[in-house]
Structures are given as C-alpha cells and as structure tokens.
C-alpha cells in the first residue's frame, strides 16, 4: 500500500533527474494550486520530466507553494499508450490523474507542456476539466491523413503507428475534443513560434497552423512569437521571458522584465538601419520581438547618433 500523498517528501533536482518512474508527485499542501507538467519527446534517451525547475523558480518569485505532478511518456506515443503508474491509454491515464487530484485537493488545476507534452496538456486538460492549460508548440491532431493534407510530416511515424494499432481509447483531434466538450472549458493559453524552422521544407511555421485550429475552441488565447520556431520554450529562456510569462499566466503575478544585453552587433545593426532611414519606433519593435525589454530597446535606439 502506497503512502498518502500528503506524507510524501519534497522532490529535489537529483530525484527528478535520476528517477526511473513515469510519474512523480511533489510535496502536497491541500488547498494550493496543482500543476500537472507533461514531458516532451526524446528519441535517443528516456524523456525528461519538464518544468520542475521553472515551477520551483515560480514558487520563489511568488512566495507560494505549488503542488506538482510530473508525467512523462517513456514510449513517445503522445501520451496514448502506457504511462506506468497511471494507465494503458488516455481514458485510464485520465482516471489515474483524477484519483491523484482528489487526494491532493487543490484550489486550481493547471496542465502544462511543450511539443508532445503540449498535446498532453491540452488533451488531459480537457478530459480532466482543469481550470488552465499552458501549451507550448502543440500539435492539434494526430491523424496521419490530416497531417499529409497540411504537409506536416514531422511526427507522421507516430501517427501511423497509432492508426495501425490504436489503443483502447484515443483522442486524435484536439479541436474536435474541445468543441465537443460540454460544460466549462479551461482557460487555454497556446504559445508558439511563427518563424519557419531551419532545415524545414515549408515556408510557414506549422505550429502556427495548429494554433489557429486550436483557436476554434472557445476560451483560447494565442501567443505568437515571430522570432521563434518550434522550440518556443528555449526561445523564451534565451530571451529571458519564460519566468515572467509563467508568473503572469499561472499566478497573475507581474515580474520585472529581465534585461537582455544589447550586444555590439545589435548596436551596429541599429546604427546601419537608422542611416538607411528606418523609423526608430520600428527598430524598437523589432528589438522587442527578439526578446529585448522595452526599456533596453528604447535606450539602444536612442543611444545611436543620427
């Protein structure tokens, strides 16, 4: 018989990194919010748990405890096959998560993930009737025929495997799942890049197409990042915007902008464009798109001699 969740010790970085389990539960404080974080795909190694460090940072910034369930799909099947400790297919896994939620007794439930984990965040967010969903670069379907129609071959092998050997339950179109849902919908936040990924054959970012499909679900907010490709979380980390974004959406907490240094190359670019007649306000907006704060962008442009 497993111990009560309220008796579990707190997780630490070593446990999260070295665990062989598919599900980890952090120290529980009933009445606090619960974040269920789904890991992203890894072909070469077992997928890592995701967002643990970011959620710990959010705890420090907010002064509040966050209950956490960390989940990964060791089979890279977009959370449609066995998740050890939860279930053999999505309906079973959802029921396993419901049991944990009932025992934790949180004030609010949030699902979060990127890429493969983002699909799970939307799917289980809808199945579990959570209050919020944060999905970074999600697919909107797992149907191989639709994928070919939209020229999205990135994970076609997974889709074909699921179609050829379907699990006992499955959800292959998140737009249809959301639009068919009765009752209240989660507050859904879809964060994605719009820049075509390097090496891709498409002239558009396919994540933007999936985001637009998900926008057909009510209560959905889109966050496009024109300087990012599929790895939008890494882009937000590199541009020092991830902590403020998570704090705003999850805690409704405004954090000060983290200043990213405007390098010498950027100063040269600003000077060249000013000499060519570019409006200063246009250059400020471009710098902001690249992750520089409003204040540092204005200062960098103003600091150049006309």
Protein backbone atom coordinates (compact mmCIF):
# COMPACT_ATOMS: atom_id res chain seq x y z
CA UNK A 1 0.00 0.00 0.00
CA UNK A 2 1.48 3.34 -1.04
CA UNK A 3 1.78 6.17 1.50
CA UNK A 4 -0.72 9.02 1.46
CA UNK A 5 0.27 11.80 -0.92
CA UNK A 6 0.28 14.27 1.95
CA UNK A 7 3.07 12.21 3.57
CA UNK A 8 5.37 12.30 0.52
CA UNK A 9 8.67 14.19 0.89
CA UNK A 10 9.52 17.10 -1.36
CA UNK A 11 11.16 16.37 -4.68
CA UNK A 12 14.63 17.65 -5.47
CA UNK A 13 16.64 18.02 -8.66
CA UNK A 14 18.51 14.75 -8.14
CA UNK A 15 15.31 12.72 -7.71
CA UNK A 16 13.71 14.34 -10.74
CA UNK A 17 16.79 13.72 -12.90
CA UNK A 18 17.54 10.13 -11.82
CA UNK A 19 14.08 8.66 -11.26
CA UNK A 20 13.07 5.66 -13.37
CA UNK A 21 9.35 6.29 -12.84
CA UNK A 22 6.88 7.82 -15.29
CA UNK A 23 5.08 9.83 -12.60
CA UNK A 24 6.44 11.87 -9.69
CA UNK A 25 4.40 13.78 -7.10
CA UNK A 26 5.97 16.64 -5.16
CA UNK A 27 5.19 17.51 -1.54
CA UNK A 28 1.47 18.18 -1.20
CA UNK A 29 -0.22 21.10 0.53
CA UNK A 30 -4.01 20.75 0.09
CA UNK A 31 -5.68 23.98 -0.98
CA UNK A 32 -2.75 25.25 -3.06
CA UNK A 33 -2.77 25.17 -6.86
CA UNK A 34 -1.70 22.00 -8.68
CA UNK A 35 0.34 21.98 -11.89
CA UNK A 36 0.49 18.76 -13.92
CA UNK A 37 3.58 19.01 -16.17
CA UNK A 38 3.96 16.67 -19.16
CA UNK A 39 7.42 15.94 -20.60
CA UNK A 40 8.40 16.35 -24.25
CA UNK A 41 9.60 13.78 -26.74
CA UNK A 42 13.10 12.29 -26.80
CA UNK A 43 14.00 9.67 -29.40
CA UNK A 44 17.53 8.89 -28.17
CA UNK A 45 17.05 8.78 -24.40
CA UNK A 46 14.17 8.42 -21.99
CA UNK A 47 12.17 11.68 -21.98
CA UNK A 48 12.95 14.01 -19.10
CA UNK A 49 10.41 15.43 -16.71
CA UNK A 50 9.70 19.03 -17.65
CA UNK A 51 9.08 22.41 -15.98
CA UNK A 52 10.13 21.29 -12.48
CA UNK A 53 12.87 23.91 -12.20
CA UNK A 54 10.68 26.64 -13.67
CA UNK A 55 7.90 25.87 -11.19
CA UNK A 56 10.39 25.97 -8.29
CA UNK A 57 11.50 29.38 -9.53
CA UNK A 58 7.87 30.49 -9.65
CA UNK A 59 7.45 29.37 -6.05
CA UNK A 60 10.39 31.58 -5.07
CA UNK A 61 9.04 34.55 -7.01
CA UNK A 62 5.50 34.23 -5.67
CA UNK A 63 6.16 33.04 -2.13
CA UNK A 64 3.55 30.30 -2.61
CA UNK A 65 3.80 26.53 -2.72
CA UNK A 66 2.84 24.79 -5.97
CA UNK A 67 1.67 21.19 -5.88
CA UNK A 68 3.27 19.33 -8.78
CA UNK A 69 2.64 16.12 -10.68
CA UNK A 70 5.39 15.38 -13.21
CA UNK A 71 4.48 12.96 -16.00
CA UNK A 72 6.45 11.58 -18.96
CA UNK A 73 5.67 9.24 -21.82
CA UNK A 74 8.60 6.83 -21.98
CA UNK A 75 7.21 5.32 -25.22
CA UNK A 76 6.96 8.66 -27.07
CA UNK A 77 3.37 7.84 -28.10
CA UNK A 78 1.93 11.30 -27.42
CA UNK A 79 0.52 10.00 -24.11
CA UNK A 80 -1.73 7.48 -25.84
CA UNK A 81 -0.10 4.29 -24.63
CA UNK A 82 1.16 3.06 -21.28
CA UNK A 83 2.12 5.65 -18.67
CA UNK A 84 3.46 3.50 -15.85
CA UNK A 85 1.57 4.19 -12.64
CA UNK A 86 -1.39 5.84 -14.37
CA UNK A 87 -2.88 3.83 -17.24
CA UNK A 88 -2.57 1.98 -20.53
CA UNK A 89 -4.45 4.53 -22.66
CA UNK A 90 -5.76 8.11 -22.30
CA UNK A 91 -9.02 7.31 -20.50
CA UNK A 92 -7.21 5.15 -17.94
CA UNK A 93 -4.45 7.72 -17.53
CA UNK A 94 -7.03 10.46 -17.03
CA UNK A 95 -8.72 8.39 -14.33
CA UNK A 96 -5.38 7.84 -12.63
CA UNK A 97 -4.75 11.57 -12.63
CA UNK A 98 -8.27 12.24 -11.32
CA UNK A 99 -7.55 9.99 -8.34
CA UNK A 100 -4.38 11.97 -7.56
CA UNK A 101 -6.23 15.27 -7.90
CA UNK A 102 -8.94 14.12 -5.50
CA UNK A 103 -6.31 13.18 -2.92
CA UNK A 104 -4.35 16.42 -3.32
CA UNK A 105 -7.49 18.61 -3.08
CA UNK A 106 -6.02 21.66 -4.86
CA UNK A 107 -7.66 25.05 -5.26
CA UNK A 108 -6.98 25.04 -9.01
CA UNK A 109 -5.56 22.56 -11.54
CA UNK A 110 -3.28 23.60 -14.42
CA UNK A 111 -1.75 21.42 -17.14
CA UNK A 112 1.44 22.45 -18.93
CA UNK A 113 3.77 21.01 -21.56
CA UNK A 114 5.77 21.64 -24.71
CA UNK A 115 5.60 19.81 -28.05
CA UNK A 116 4.47 16.23 -27.24
CA UNK A 117 3.82 17.40 -23.68
CA UNK A 118 1.76 20.29 -25.03
CA UNK A 119 -0.57 17.85 -26.80
CA UNK A 120 -0.99 16.04 -23.48
CA UNK A 121 -1.57 19.32 -21.64
CA UNK A 122 -4.47 20.19 -23.96
CA UNK A 123 -5.89 16.65 -24.14
CA UNK A 124 -5.81 15.93 -20.41
CA UNK A 125 -6.73 19.50 -19.59
CA UNK A 126 -9.99 18.94 -21.47
CA UNK A 127 -10.54 15.42 -20.12
CA UNK A 128 -9.88 16.42 -16.50
CA UNK A 129 -11.89 19.68 -16.52
CA UNK A 130 -8.89 21.67 -15.31
CA UNK A 131 -9.01 25.44 -14.92
CA UNK A 132 -5.97 26.36 -17.06
CA UNK A 133 -3.89 24.90 -19.88
CA UNK A 134 -0.47 26.15 -21.00
CA UNK A 135 0.64 24.52 -24.25
CA UNK A 136 3.92 25.48 -25.93
CA UNK A 137 4.03 24.50 -29.62
CA UNK A 138 1.31 21.82 -29.58
CA UNK A 139 0.00 19.73 -32.45
CA UNK A 140 -3.75 19.96 -32.86
CA UNK A 141 -4.23 16.46 -34.29
CA UNK A 142 -2.60 13.02 -34.54
CA UNK A 143 -4.40 11.90 -37.68
CA UNK A 144 -1.97 10.89 -40.48
CA UNK A 145 -4.39 11.85 -43.27
CA UNK A 146 -4.78 15.36 -41.86
CA UNK A 147 -1.03 15.58 -41.41
CA UNK A 148 -0.47 14.82 -45.08
CA UNK A 149 -3.19 17.30 -46.05
CA UNK A 150 -1.41 20.05 -44.12
CA UNK A 151 2.08 18.87 -45.20
CA UNK A 152 3.07 18.24 -41.58
CA UNK A 153 5.28 15.15 -41.72
CA UNK A 154 7.28 15.86 -38.56
CA UNK A 155 5.78 13.07 -36.45
CA UNK A 156 3.96 11.11 -39.12
CA UNK A 157 5.51 7.81 -37.97
CA UNK A 158 3.88 8.17 -34.54
CA UNK A 159 0.51 8.99 -36.07
CA UNK A 160 0.68 6.00 -38.41
CA UNK A 161 1.63 3.68 -35.55
CA UNK A 162 -1.37 4.83 -33.51
CA UNK A 163 -3.68 4.45 -36.52
CA UNK A 164 -2.38 0.95 -37.29
CA UNK A 165 -2.51 -0.26 -33.68
CA UNK A 166 -4.93 2.01 -31.83
CA UNK A 167 -5.11 1.97 -28.02
CA UNK A 168 -8.38 1.24 -26.22
CA UNK A 169 -9.12 4.97 -26.16
CA UNK A 170 -7.66 7.83 -28.12
CA UNK A 171 -8.12 11.50 -28.95
CA UNK A 172 -6.71 12.32 -32.36
CA UNK A 173 -8.16 15.79 -32.98
CA UNK A 174 -7.93 18.27 -30.11
CA UNK A 175 -10.09 20.80 -31.92
CA UNK A 176 -12.92 18.25 -32.11
CA UNK A 177 -12.36 17.24 -28.48
CA UNK A 178 -12.61 20.83 -27.31
CA UNK A 179 -15.56 21.81 -29.46
CA UNK A 180 -17.47 18.70 -28.42
CA UNK A 181 -16.94 19.29 -24.72
CA UNK A 182 -19.95 20.17 -22.59
CA UNK A 183 -19.63 22.43 -19.58
CA UNK A 184 -16.91 24.93 -18.77
CA UNK A 185 -13.75 24.93 -20.85
CA UNK A 186 -10.28 25.53 -19.42
CA UNK A 187 -8.63 28.90 -19.81
CA UNK A 188 -6.33 27.80 -22.64
CA UNK A 189 -3.04 29.54 -23.48
CA UNK A 190 -1.34 28.43 -26.71
CA UNK A 191 2.25 29.70 -27.03
CA UNK A 192 4.00 29.11 -30.35
CA UNK A 193 6.61 30.37 -32.81
CA UNK A 194 5.73 31.65 -36.27
CA UNK A 195 9.22 31.53 -37.82
CA UNK A 196 9.81 28.54 -40.14
CA UNK A 197 12.27 26.14 -38.51
CA UNK A 198 15.70 25.88 -40.11
CA UNK A 199 16.01 22.85 -42.33
CA UNK A 200 12.26 22.61 -42.90
CA UNK A 201 10.84 22.48 -46.39
CA UNK A 202 7.83 24.64 -45.59
CA UNK A 203 7.77 28.44 -45.91
CA UNK A 204 5.39 28.68 -42.94
CA UNK A 205 5.66 27.57 -39.35
CA UNK A 206 3.39 24.56 -38.96
CA UNK A 207 2.88 25.26 -35.26
CA UNK A 208 1.03 28.44 -36.26
CA UNK A 209 -1.40 26.35 -38.30
CA UNK A 210 -2.06 24.07 -35.33
CA UNK A 211 -2.51 27.08 -33.05
CA UNK A 212 -5.11 28.54 -35.41
CA UNK A 213 -7.01 25.23 -35.37
CA UNK A 214 -7.00 25.25 -31.58
CA UNK A 215 -8.23 28.84 -31.59
CA UNK A 216 -11.57 27.47 -32.81
CA UNK A 217 -12.04 26.17 -29.26
CA UNK A 218 -13.67 28.81 -27.09
CA UNK A 219 -11.67 30.37 -24.25
CA UNK A 220 -8.38 30.05 -26.14
CA UNK A 221 -5.68 32.76 -26.19
CA UNK A 222 -2.83 32.68 -28.71
CA UNK A 223 0.70 33.94 -28.01
CA UNK A 224 2.66 34.08 -31.31
CA UNK A 225 6.44 34.65 -31.23
CA UNK A 226 7.70 35.68 -34.69
CA UNK A 227 11.38 35.08 -33.88
CA UNK A 228 10.89 31.51 -32.68
CA UNK A 229 10.47 28.19 -34.42
CA UNK A 230 9.08 25.03 -32.81
CA UNK A 231 11.30 25.24 -29.71
CA UNK A 232 9.47 28.26 -28.33
CA UNK A 233 10.27 27.40 -24.69
CA UNK A 234 14.01 27.55 -25.44
CA UNK A 235 13.44 30.85 -27.25
CA UNK A 236 11.69 32.26 -24.18
CA UNK A 237 14.51 31.02 -21.96
CA UNK A 238 17.17 32.53 -24.23
CA UNK A 239 15.35 35.86 -24.31
CA UNK A 240 14.72 35.79 -20.54
CA UNK A 241 10.93 35.91 -20.85
CA UNK A 242 9.87 32.46 -19.61
CA UNK A 243 9.71 33.26 -15.88
CA UNK A 244 7.59 36.38 -16.35
CA UNK A 245 5.22 34.58 -18.73
CA UNK A 246 4.65 31.67 -16.34
CA UNK A 247 4.18 34.02 -13.39
CA UNK A 248 1.62 36.11 -15.27
CA UNK A 249 -0.47 33.19 -16.54
CA UNK A 250 -0.29 30.83 -13.55
CA UNK A 251 -0.16 33.29 -10.63
CA UNK A 252 -1.38 36.54 -12.22
CA UNK A 253 1.90 37.93 -10.92
CA UNK A 254 3.74 40.73 -12.72
CA UNK A 255 7.52 40.26 -12.60
CA UNK A 256 10.03 42.94 -13.63
CA UNK A 257 11.42 42.46 -17.11
CA UNK A 258 14.75 40.63 -17.14
CA UNK A 259 17.15 42.74 -19.15
CA UNK A 260 18.93 41.01 -22.03
CA UNK A 261 22.14 42.75 -23.09
CA UNK A 262 22.04 44.57 -26.40
CA UNK A 263 25.32 43.38 -27.93
CA UNK A 264 27.74 45.28 -30.16
CA UNK A 265 26.39 43.51 -33.24
CA UNK A 266 22.90 44.74 -32.43
CA UNK A 267 24.18 48.29 -31.89
CA UNK A 268 25.81 48.14 -35.34
CA UNK A 269 22.56 46.85 -36.84
CA UNK A 270 20.63 49.73 -35.23
CA UNK A 271 23.12 52.31 -36.50
CA UNK A 272 23.05 50.89 -40.04
CA UNK A 273 19.24 50.91 -40.16
CA UNK A 274 19.00 54.44 -38.79
CA UNK A 275 21.40 55.62 -41.52
CA UNK A 276 19.16 53.92 -44.08
CA UNK A 277 16.17 55.87 -42.78
CA UNK A 278 14.35 53.25 -40.69
CA UNK A 279 11.98 54.84 -38.16
CA UNK A 280 13.33 54.49 -34.58
CA UNK A 281 9.99 53.19 -33.29
CA UNK A 282 10.10 50.40 -35.91
CA UNK A 283 13.56 49.34 -34.71
CA UNK A 284 12.33 49.32 -31.11
CA UNK A 285 9.53 46.92 -32.05
CA UNK A 286 11.96 44.63 -33.90
CA UNK A 287 14.27 44.52 -30.88
CA UNK A 288 11.33 43.70 -28.63
CA UNK A 289 10.37 40.83 -30.96
CA UNK A 290 13.87 39.46 -30.42
CA UNK A 291 13.35 39.43 -26.66
CA UNK A 292 14.88 42.72 -25.54
CA UNK A 293 12.88 44.63 -22.95
CA UNK A 294 11.02 47.77 -23.95
CA UNK A 295 13.34 49.92 -21.85
CA UNK A 296 16.57 48.43 -23.22
CA UNK A 297 15.25 48.61 -26.81
CA UNK A 298 14.37 52.31 -26.49
CA UNK A 299 17.70 53.05 -24.84
CA UNK A 300 19.69 51.19 -27.51
CA UNK A 301 17.97 53.04 -30.36
CA UNK A 302 18.13 56.42 -28.62
CA UNK A 303 21.81 55.90 -27.85
CA UNK A 304 22.81 55.82 -31.51
CA UNK A 305 23.85 59.03 -33.14
CA UNK A 306 21.61 60.02 -36.05
